[in-house]
């Protein structure tokens, strides 16, 4: 199981990469493995301002649909539109081409509440 040490994580299996005042968000390798083959990613919250832990979209696998939870409060500024035609990128490259959204976060102190790679490994038993 791949859990990069340079990222932050949530208990809901999202990963977060901080780049300046922007955060890139996707789902973890563990999450995509549990979901199975991903067939659709829906994010209709671009340009909306949401609070941390609000639902920003859904990911649909062959047998289930799962909500996606925002890890940090802020404005969703971009959706990875390549996932519309190739949602399987979430399975094949969850930390790279399979990223889902970019957020302009509004409260940097929330970053401290995210999990480290070690903390996330403990949650998923890695």
N, C-alpha and C. Protein backbone atom coordinates (compact mmCIF):
# COMPACT_ATOMS: atom_id res chain seq x y z
N UNK A 1 0.85 -1.19 0.00
CA UNK A 1 0.00 0.00 0.00
C UNK A 1 0.89 1.24 0.00
N UNK A 2 0.55 2.16 -0.87
CA UNK A 2 1.35 3.37 -1.04
C UNK A 2 0.76 4.50 -0.20
N UNK A 3 1.54 5.01 0.77
CA UNK A 3 1.12 6.15 1.60
C UNK A 3 2.29 7.13 1.65
N UNK A 4 2.38 8.04 0.67
CA UNK A 4 3.51 8.97 0.62
C UNK A 4 3.64 9.81 1.89
N UNK A 5 4.86 9.94 2.37
CA UNK A 5 5.10 10.66 3.63
C UNK A 5 5.01 12.17 3.49
N UNK A 6 5.04 12.69 2.27
CA UNK A 6 5.00 14.15 2.09
C UNK A 6 3.58 14.72 1.99
N UNK A 7 2.58 13.87 2.15
CA UNK A 7 1.18 14.30 2.07
C UNK A 7 0.54 14.29 3.44
N UNK A 8 -0.61 14.95 3.55
CA UNK A 8 -1.45 14.89 4.73
C UNK A 8 -2.68 14.05 4.38
N UNK A 9 -3.37 13.55 5.41
CA UNK A 9 -4.49 12.63 5.18
C UNK A 9 -5.66 12.95 6.09
N UNK A 10 -6.85 12.42 5.71
CA UNK A 10 -8.02 12.53 6.57
C UNK A 10 -8.47 11.14 6.98
N UNK A 11 -9.28 11.09 8.02
CA UNK A 11 -9.83 9.80 8.47
C UNK A 11 -10.80 9.24 7.42
N UNK A 12 -11.26 10.11 6.50
CA UNK A 12 -12.18 9.69 5.44
C UNK A 12 -11.44 9.26 4.17
N UNK A 13 -10.12 9.12 4.25
CA UNK A 13 -9.28 8.56 3.18
C UNK A 13 -9.04 9.51 2.01
N UNK A 14 -9.07 10.82 2.28
CA UNK A 14 -8.59 11.78 1.30
C UNK A 14 -7.14 12.12 1.61
N UNK A 15 -6.37 12.43 0.58
CA UNK A 15 -5.01 12.94 0.77
C UNK A 15 -4.99 14.42 0.38
N UNK A 16 -4.03 15.13 0.94
CA UNK A 16 -3.92 16.57 0.72
C UNK A 16 -2.45 16.92 0.48
N UNK A 17 -2.20 17.66 -0.59
CA UNK A 17 -0.86 18.18 -0.86
C UNK A 17 -0.95 19.70 -0.83
N UNK A 18 -0.22 20.31 0.08
CA UNK A 18 -0.24 21.76 0.24
C UNK A 18 0.81 22.38 -0.69
N UNK A 19 0.36 23.33 -1.51
CA UNK A 19 1.25 24.09 -2.40
C UNK A 19 0.92 25.56 -2.25
N UNK A 20 1.64 26.24 -1.36
CA UNK A 20 1.36 27.65 -1.11
C UNK A 20 0.01 27.79 -0.43
N UNK A 21 -0.88 28.61 -1.03
CA UNK A 21 -2.21 28.80 -0.44
C UNK A 21 -3.26 27.90 -1.10
N UNK A 22 -2.77 26.88 -1.82
CA UNK A 22 -3.64 25.93 -2.51
C UNK A 22 -3.39 24.52 -1.97
N UNK A 23 -4.45 23.72 -1.96
CA UNK A 23 -4.33 22.32 -1.59
C UNK A 23 -4.88 21.47 -2.72
N UNK A 24 -4.13 20.43 -3.09
CA UNK A 24 -4.59 19.46 -4.08
C UNK A 24 -5.13 18.27 -3.29
N UNK A 25 -6.27 17.74 -3.71
CA UNK A 25 -6.96 16.69 -2.95
C UNK A 25 -7.32 15.52 -3.87
N UNK A 26 -7.17 14.32 -3.32
CA UNK A 26 -7.62 13.11 -4.00
C UNK A 26 -7.96 12.07 -2.96
N UNK A 27 -8.22 10.84 -3.41
CA UNK A 27 -8.44 9.75 -2.45
C UNK A 27 -7.21 8.87 -2.40
N UNK A 28 -7.01 8.23 -1.29
CA UNK A 28 -5.79 7.46 -1.06
C UNK A 28 -5.79 6.14 -1.83
N UNK A 29 -4.61 5.57 -1.91
CA UNK A 29 -4.43 4.26 -2.52
C UNK A 29 -5.30 3.24 -1.79
N UNK A 30 -5.36 3.32 -0.47
CA UNK A 30 -6.19 2.42 0.32
C UNK A 30 -7.66 2.55 -0.10
N UNK A 31 -8.15 3.80 -0.22
CA UNK A 31 -9.55 4.04 -0.57
C UNK A 31 -9.88 3.50 -1.95
N UNK A 32 -9.03 3.77 -2.94
CA UNK A 32 -9.34 3.29 -4.28
C UNK A 32 -9.32 1.77 -4.32
N UNK A 33 -8.44 1.16 -3.53
CA UNK A 33 -8.39 -0.29 -3.47
C UNK A 33 -9.64 -0.90 -2.85
N UNK A 34 -10.16 -0.24 -1.82
CA UNK A 34 -11.39 -0.69 -1.17
C UNK A 34 -12.60 -0.52 -2.08
N UNK A 35 -12.63 0.58 -2.85
CA UNK A 35 -13.76 0.85 -3.73
C UNK A 35 -13.78 -0.07 -4.94
N UNK A 36 -12.60 -0.45 -5.43
CA UNK A 36 -12.53 -1.23 -6.65
C UNK A 36 -12.50 -0.33 -7.88
N UNK A 37 -12.91 -0.87 -9.01
CA UNK A 37 -12.81 -0.13 -10.28
C UNK A 37 -13.72 1.10 -10.27
N UNK A 38 -13.09 2.27 -10.37
CA UNK A 38 -13.83 3.52 -10.34
C UNK A 38 -14.32 3.84 -11.75
N UNK A 39 -15.63 4.11 -11.85
CA UNK A 39 -16.24 4.34 -13.16
C UNK A 39 -16.71 5.78 -13.36
N UNK A 40 -16.76 6.57 -12.28
CA UNK A 40 -17.26 7.94 -12.42
C UNK A 40 -16.84 8.76 -11.21
N UNK A 41 -16.41 10.00 -11.47
CA UNK A 41 -16.11 10.96 -10.41
C UNK A 41 -16.96 12.19 -10.68
N UNK A 42 -17.74 12.59 -9.68
CA UNK A 42 -18.61 13.75 -9.85
C UNK A 42 -18.25 14.83 -8.84
N UNK A 43 -17.93 16.01 -9.35
CA UNK A 43 -17.67 17.18 -8.51
C UNK A 43 -18.42 18.35 -9.14
N UNK A 44 -19.47 18.80 -8.48
CA UNK A 44 -20.27 19.92 -8.99
C UNK A 44 -20.14 21.14 -8.08
N UNK A 45 -19.05 21.21 -7.32
CA UNK A 45 -18.88 22.27 -6.33
C UNK A 45 -17.77 23.26 -6.71
N UNK A 46 -17.28 23.22 -7.94
CA UNK A 46 -16.24 24.16 -8.37
C UNK A 46 -16.78 25.58 -8.23
N UNK A 47 -15.94 26.47 -7.72
CA UNK A 47 -16.26 27.87 -7.46
C UNK A 47 -17.13 28.07 -6.22
N UNK A 48 -17.40 27.00 -5.48
CA UNK A 48 -18.16 27.12 -4.23
C UNK A 48 -17.20 27.18 -3.05
N UNK A 49 -17.63 27.85 -2.00
CA UNK A 49 -16.87 27.89 -0.75
C UNK A 49 -17.56 26.94 0.23
N UNK A 50 -16.80 25.97 0.72
CA UNK A 50 -17.34 24.96 1.63
C UNK A 50 -16.49 24.89 2.89
N UNK A 51 -17.08 24.35 3.94
CA UNK A 51 -16.35 24.13 5.18
C UNK A 51 -15.72 22.75 5.16
N UNK A 52 -14.66 22.60 5.95
CA UNK A 52 -14.02 21.29 6.10
C UNK A 52 -15.07 20.26 6.50
N UNK A 53 -14.94 19.06 5.94
CA UNK A 53 -15.79 17.90 6.20
C UNK A 53 -17.14 17.96 5.49
N UNK A 54 -17.39 19.03 4.71
CA UNK A 54 -18.60 19.02 3.88
C UNK A 54 -18.34 18.14 2.65
N UNK A 55 -19.41 17.62 2.08
CA UNK A 55 -19.29 16.78 0.89
C UNK A 55 -19.04 17.67 -0.33
N UNK A 56 -17.97 17.35 -1.08
CA UNK A 56 -17.67 18.14 -2.28
C UNK A 56 -17.94 17.38 -3.56
N UNK A 57 -18.22 16.09 -3.46
CA UNK A 57 -18.49 15.30 -4.65
C UNK A 57 -18.69 13.84 -4.28
N UNK A 58 -18.75 13.00 -5.33
CA UNK A 58 -18.88 11.57 -5.11
C UNK A 58 -17.97 10.83 -6.08
N UNK A 59 -17.63 9.63 -5.69
CA UNK A 59 -16.88 8.73 -6.56
C UNK A 59 -17.71 7.44 -6.66
N UNK A 60 -17.88 6.99 -7.90
CA UNK A 60 -18.70 5.81 -8.14
C UNK A 60 -17.81 4.67 -8.63
N UNK A 61 -17.92 3.56 -7.94
CA UNK A 61 -17.23 2.34 -8.36
C UNK A 61 -18.29 1.38 -8.90
N UNK A 62 -17.87 0.22 -9.36
CA UNK A 62 -18.79 -0.72 -9.97
C UNK A 62 -19.94 -1.06 -9.03
N UNK A 63 -19.65 -1.23 -7.74
CA UNK A 63 -20.68 -1.71 -6.81
C UNK A 63 -21.13 -0.70 -5.76
N UNK A 64 -20.57 0.52 -5.76
CA UNK A 64 -20.91 1.45 -4.69
C UNK A 64 -20.67 2.90 -5.11
N UNK A 65 -21.30 3.81 -4.40
CA UNK A 65 -21.04 5.24 -4.56
C UNK A 65 -20.60 5.76 -3.20
N UNK A 66 -19.54 6.56 -3.18
CA UNK A 66 -18.99 7.05 -1.92
C UNK A 66 -18.87 8.57 -1.97
N UNK A 67 -19.26 9.23 -0.87
CA UNK A 67 -19.12 10.67 -0.78
C UNK A 67 -17.66 11.06 -0.60
N UNK A 68 -17.31 12.24 -1.09
CA UNK A 68 -15.97 12.82 -0.92
C UNK A 68 -16.09 14.01 0.03
N UNK A 69 -15.25 14.03 1.06
CA UNK A 69 -15.33 15.06 2.09
C UNK A 69 -14.17 16.04 1.97
N UNK A 70 -14.48 17.32 2.04
CA UNK A 70 -13.48 18.36 1.92
C UNK A 70 -12.56 18.36 3.15
N UNK A 71 -11.25 18.25 2.95
CA UNK A 71 -10.34 18.20 4.10
C UNK A 71 -10.06 19.55 4.75
N UNK A 72 -10.23 20.64 3.99
CA UNK A 72 -9.94 21.99 4.49
C UNK A 72 -11.04 22.94 3.99
N UNK A 73 -11.40 23.91 4.82
CA UNK A 73 -12.36 24.92 4.40
C UNK A 73 -11.76 25.79 3.30
N UNK A 74 -12.60 26.18 2.34
CA UNK A 74 -12.12 27.07 1.30
C UNK A 74 -12.92 26.96 0.03
N UNK A 75 -12.40 27.60 -1.01
CA UNK A 75 -13.07 27.62 -2.31
C UNK A 75 -12.48 26.55 -3.22
N UNK A 76 -13.35 25.76 -3.81
CA UNK A 76 -12.90 24.76 -4.78
C UNK A 76 -12.64 25.50 -6.09
N UNK A 77 -11.38 25.53 -6.51
CA UNK A 77 -11.01 26.35 -7.67
C UNK A 77 -10.79 25.54 -8.94
N UNK A 78 -10.67 24.21 -8.80
CA UNK A 78 -10.43 23.41 -10.01
C UNK A 78 -10.83 21.97 -9.78
N UNK A 79 -11.38 21.35 -10.82
CA UNK A 79 -11.67 19.92 -10.86
C UNK A 79 -10.79 19.31 -11.94
N UNK A 80 -10.26 18.14 -11.67
CA UNK A 80 -9.43 17.43 -12.65
C UNK A 80 -10.35 16.88 -13.74
N UNK A 81 -10.56 17.67 -14.78
CA UNK A 81 -11.53 17.31 -15.81
C UNK A 81 -11.14 16.07 -16.60
N UNK A 82 -9.88 15.66 -16.55
CA UNK A 82 -9.49 14.43 -17.26
C UNK A 82 -10.19 13.21 -16.66
N UNK A 83 -10.67 13.33 -15.42
CA UNK A 83 -11.36 12.21 -14.78
C UNK A 83 -12.75 11.99 -15.38
N UNK A 84 -13.28 12.97 -16.09
CA UNK A 84 -14.58 12.78 -16.74
C UNK A 84 -14.51 11.67 -17.78
N UNK A 85 -13.40 11.63 -18.54
CA UNK A 85 -13.23 10.61 -19.58
C UNK A 85 -12.42 9.42 -19.10
N UNK A 86 -11.60 9.62 -18.07
CA UNK A 86 -10.72 8.55 -17.59
C UNK A 86 -10.75 8.44 -16.07
N UNK A 87 -11.92 8.07 -15.49
CA UNK A 87 -12.00 7.97 -14.02
C UNK A 87 -11.08 6.90 -13.46
N UNK A 88 -10.65 5.97 -14.30
CA UNK A 88 -9.76 4.90 -13.84
C UNK A 88 -8.39 5.43 -13.41
N UNK A 89 -8.07 6.69 -13.75
CA UNK A 89 -6.81 7.28 -13.27
C UNK A 89 -6.75 7.30 -11.75
N UNK A 90 -7.92 7.36 -11.10
CA UNK A 90 -7.96 7.33 -9.63
C UNK A 90 -7.43 5.99 -9.13
N UNK A 91 -7.70 4.91 -9.87
CA UNK A 91 -7.18 3.59 -9.50
C UNK A 91 -5.71 3.45 -9.85
N UNK A 92 -5.33 3.89 -11.04
CA UNK A 92 -3.97 3.63 -11.50
C UNK A 92 -2.94 4.59 -10.94
N UNK A 93 -3.34 5.82 -10.59
CA UNK A 93 -2.39 6.83 -10.13
C UNK A 93 -3.07 7.78 -9.14
N UNK A 94 -3.50 7.26 -7.97
CA UNK A 94 -4.30 8.10 -7.06
C UNK A 94 -3.59 9.35 -6.56
N UNK A 95 -2.25 9.32 -6.48
CA UNK A 95 -1.51 10.48 -5.95
C UNK A 95 -0.95 11.37 -7.06
N UNK A 96 -1.18 11.01 -8.31
CA UNK A 96 -0.67 11.78 -9.44
C UNK A 96 -1.81 12.23 -10.33
N UNK A 97 -1.92 11.58 -11.50
CA UNK A 97 -2.95 11.96 -12.48
C UNK A 97 -4.37 11.77 -11.96
N UNK A 98 -4.54 11.03 -10.87
CA UNK A 98 -5.87 10.78 -10.32
C UNK A 98 -6.32 11.80 -9.28
N UNK A 99 -5.60 12.91 -9.14
CA UNK A 99 -6.04 13.96 -8.19
C UNK A 99 -7.43 14.43 -8.60
N UNK A 100 -8.18 14.97 -7.63
CA UNK A 100 -9.58 15.32 -7.92
C UNK A 100 -9.85 16.82 -7.96
N UNK A 101 -9.45 17.55 -6.92
CA UNK A 101 -9.75 18.98 -6.88
C UNK A 101 -8.57 19.78 -6.35
N UNK A 102 -8.64 21.09 -6.59
CA UNK A 102 -7.73 22.04 -5.95
C UNK A 102 -8.59 23.02 -5.16
N UNK A 103 -8.13 23.33 -3.96
CA UNK A 103 -8.83 24.24 -3.05
C UNK A 103 -7.94 25.42 -2.75
N UNK A 104 -8.52 26.61 -2.73
CA UNK A 104 -7.85 27.77 -2.15
C UNK A 104 -8.35 27.79 -0.71
N UNK A 105 -7.53 27.25 0.19
CA UNK A 105 -8.01 27.09 1.57
C UNK A 105 -8.03 28.42 2.31
N UNK A 106 -8.94 28.51 3.29
CA UNK A 106 -9.17 29.78 3.96
C UNK A 106 -8.63 29.82 5.39
N UNK A 107 -8.26 28.68 5.95
CA UNK A 107 -7.80 28.64 7.34
C UNK A 107 -6.62 27.68 7.46
N UNK A 108 -5.41 28.24 7.40
CA UNK A 108 -4.20 27.42 7.43
C UNK A 108 -4.09 26.60 8.71
N UNK A 109 -4.72 27.04 9.79
CA UNK A 109 -4.62 26.28 11.04
C UNK A 109 -5.29 24.91 10.93
N UNK A 110 -6.21 24.74 9.98
CA UNK A 110 -6.86 23.44 9.79
C UNK A 110 -5.87 22.37 9.30
N UNK A 111 -4.80 22.80 8.67
CA UNK A 111 -3.80 21.84 8.18
C UNK A 111 -3.25 21.02 9.34
N UNK A 112 -3.12 21.66 10.51
CA UNK A 112 -2.58 20.96 11.68
C UNK A 112 -3.47 19.83 12.15
N UNK A 113 -4.75 19.84 11.79
CA UNK A 113 -5.67 18.79 12.22
C UNK A 113 -5.66 17.58 11.28
N UNK A 114 -4.98 17.71 10.14
CA UNK A 114 -4.88 16.58 9.21
C UNK A 114 -3.89 15.55 9.74
N UNK A 115 -4.02 14.34 9.26
CA UNK A 115 -3.17 13.24 9.72
C UNK A 115 -1.85 13.19 8.97
N UNK A 116 -0.80 12.81 9.67
CA UNK A 116 0.48 12.53 9.01
C UNK A 116 0.38 11.15 8.36
N UNK A 117 1.36 10.82 7.52
CA UNK A 117 1.38 9.50 6.90
C UNK A 117 1.41 8.41 7.96
N UNK A 118 2.19 8.61 9.03
CA UNK A 118 2.27 7.61 10.10
C UNK A 118 0.92 7.43 10.80
N UNK A 119 0.23 8.54 11.07
CA UNK A 119 -1.09 8.46 11.71
C UNK A 119 -2.08 7.74 10.80
N UNK A 120 -2.02 8.04 9.51
CA UNK A 120 -2.95 7.40 8.57
C UNK A 120 -2.66 5.91 8.46
N UNK A 121 -1.38 5.55 8.43
CA UNK A 121 -1.01 4.13 8.39
C UNK A 121 -1.61 3.38 9.58
N UNK A 122 -1.60 4.01 10.76
CA UNK A 122 -2.17 3.37 11.93
C UNK A 122 -3.67 3.14 11.79
N UNK A 123 -4.36 4.09 11.14
CA UNK A 123 -5.80 3.97 10.94
C UNK A 123 -6.14 2.81 10.01
N UNK A 124 -5.38 2.67 8.93
CA UNK A 124 -5.71 1.64 7.93
C UNK A 124 -4.97 0.32 8.18
N UNK A 125 -4.17 0.29 9.23
CA UNK A 125 -3.48 -0.95 9.57
C UNK A 125 -2.35 -1.31 8.64
N UNK A 126 -1.69 -0.29 8.10
CA UNK A 126 -0.58 -0.55 7.15
C UNK A 126 0.74 -0.71 7.90
